[in-house]
Amino acid sequence: MKATIWHNPKCGTSRKTLAILEETPGVEVEVIEYLKTPYTREKLIQLFKDAGMTAKEAIRLRGTDAEERGLPGMSDEQILDEMTANSAYVGRPFVETEKGVRYCRPQEVVREIL
């Protein structure tokens, strides 16, 4: 099974999620460091839809200026614009497999799609 993780190596939860993926037999892991390879708007829309969440629910507030910039009060369309311009506003990590997409907070959530 292939698993794609949108990863930030500086994030403990992201590292722990990646470790679960790498330790799971039969899982081929693709790592996308989203701060180096930013999300496209289309990919964000697909990930949020498949994870059953809204752009507003995926905003990363900690360690960003998202709150000061007013992202929590914006429409999903505006939030997507901001996230596309600055991937740091997207919470992490997201993992996608043939079984679905999960926002892996806490990291054990990834087991639901393995």
Protein backbone atom coordinates (compact mmCIF):
# COMPACT_ATOMS: atom_id res chain seq x y z
CA MET A 1 0.00 0.00 0.00
CA LYS A 2 1.16 3.51 -0.80
CA ALA A 3 0.90 6.23 1.83
CA THR A 4 1.60 9.89 1.16
CA ILE A 5 2.40 12.16 4.10
CA TRP A 6 2.51 15.93 3.93
CA HIS A 7 5.33 16.32 6.39
CA ASN A 8 7.27 18.92 8.34
CA PRO A 9 10.42 17.36 9.82
CA LYS A 10 10.47 19.99 12.60
CA CYS A 11 7.07 18.80 13.92
CA GLY A 12 7.07 16.05 16.54
CA THR A 13 3.61 14.76 15.60
CA SER A 14 4.59 14.66 11.96
CA ARG A 15 7.80 12.74 12.78
CA LYS A 16 5.87 10.26 14.94
CA THR A 17 3.28 9.75 12.20
CA LEU A 18 6.03 9.16 9.65
CA ALA A 19 7.63 6.62 12.00
CA ILE A 20 4.34 4.69 12.24
CA LEU A 21 4.14 4.62 8.44
CA GLU A 22 7.75 3.49 8.05
CA GLU A 23 7.36 0.77 10.70
CA THR A 24 4.20 -0.68 9.15
CA PRO A 25 4.96 -3.70 6.93
CA GLY A 26 3.86 -3.36 3.33
CA VAL A 27 3.57 0.44 3.36
CA GLU A 28 5.46 2.37 0.70
CA VAL A 29 5.83 5.93 1.99
CA GLU A 30 5.97 9.06 -0.13
CA VAL A 31 7.07 12.09 1.88
CA ILE A 32 6.14 15.56 0.70
CA GLU A 33 7.76 18.33 2.70
CA TYR A 34 4.99 20.81 2.08
CA LEU A 35 7.02 23.84 3.12
CA LYS A 36 9.42 23.03 0.25
CA THR A 37 6.75 21.74 -2.15
CA PRO A 38 3.66 23.83 -1.38
CA TYR A 39 0.11 22.55 -1.65
CA THR A 40 -2.00 23.36 -4.66
CA ARG A 41 -5.47 24.72 -4.02
CA GLU A 42 -6.96 21.64 -5.70
CA LYS A 43 -4.99 19.28 -3.46
CA LEU A 44 -6.06 21.12 -0.32
CA ILE A 45 -9.71 20.97 -1.37
CA GLN A 46 -9.40 17.23 -2.04
CA LEU A 47 -7.55 16.50 1.23
CA PHE A 48 -10.04 18.44 3.35
CA LYS A 49 -13.03 16.86 1.60
CA ASP A 50 -11.62 13.34 1.95
CA ALA A 51 -10.67 13.95 5.59
CA GLY A 52 -14.19 15.24 6.29
CA MET A 53 -13.10 18.66 7.45
CA THR A 54 -13.22 22.29 6.41
CA ALA A 55 -10.36 24.62 5.62
CA LYS A 56 -11.19 26.50 8.83
CA GLU A 57 -10.71 23.29 10.85
CA ALA A 58 -7.29 22.75 9.26
CA ILE A 59 -5.81 26.16 10.09
CA ARG A 60 -2.54 25.98 11.99
CA LEU A 61 -2.57 28.78 14.56
CA ARG A 62 0.40 27.79 16.72
CA GLY A 63 3.69 29.08 15.40
CA THR A 64 2.07 31.20 12.67
CA ASP A 65 0.52 34.64 12.35
CA ALA A 66 -2.75 33.13 11.10
CA GLU A 67 -4.79 34.49 13.98
CA GLU A 68 -3.31 37.98 13.68
CA ARG A 69 -4.04 37.91 9.93
CA GLY A 70 -7.65 36.97 10.65
CA LEU A 71 -7.75 33.51 9.05
CA PRO A 72 -10.20 32.06 11.62
CA GLY A 73 -12.77 34.69 10.62
CA MET A 74 -12.35 34.25 6.88
CA SER A 75 -14.48 32.18 4.50
CA ASP A 76 -13.16 28.79 3.41
CA GLU A 77 -12.38 30.29 -0.01
CA GLN A 78 -10.28 33.03 1.56
CA ILE A 79 -8.57 30.54 3.88
CA LEU A 80 -7.67 28.37 0.88
CA ASP A 81 -6.15 31.43 -0.79
CA GLU A 82 -4.02 32.08 2.30
CA MET A 83 -3.02 28.41 2.66
CA THR A 84 -2.03 28.20 -0.99
CA ALA A 85 0.12 31.31 -0.58
CA ASN A 86 1.67 30.06 2.68
CA SER A 87 1.61 26.32 3.43
CA ALA A 88 2.61 26.99 7.05
CA TYR A 89 -1.07 27.87 7.68
CA VAL A 90 -2.07 24.23 7.07
CA GLY A 91 -2.18 21.94 10.08
CA ARG A 92 -0.07 18.83 9.95
CA PRO A 93 0.33 16.08 9.12
CA PHE A 94 -2.13 14.86 6.52
CA VAL A 95 -1.76 11.28 5.28
CA GLU A 96 -3.45 9.78 2.23
CA THR A 97 -3.76 6.08 1.36
CA GLU A 98 -6.14 4.07 -0.80
CA LYS A 99 -8.34 3.82 2.32
CA GLY A 100 -8.74 7.56 2.75
CA VAL A 101 -7.23 10.72 4.19
CA ARG A 102 -6.63 11.58 7.83
CA TYR A 103 -5.46 14.66 9.66
CA CYS A 104 -3.16 12.79 12.01
CA ARG A 105 -3.56 14.62 15.29
CA PRO A 106 -2.94 12.55 17.32
CA GLN A 107 -0.56 10.47 15.25
CA GLU A 108 -2.35 7.18 16.04
CA VAL A 109 -5.22 8.30 13.77
CA VAL A 110 -3.08 7.22 10.81
CA ARG A 111 -3.71 3.56 11.73
CA GLU A 112 -7.36 4.01 10.60
CA ILE A 113 -6.23 4.15 6.95
CA LEU A 114 -3.51 1.49 6.99
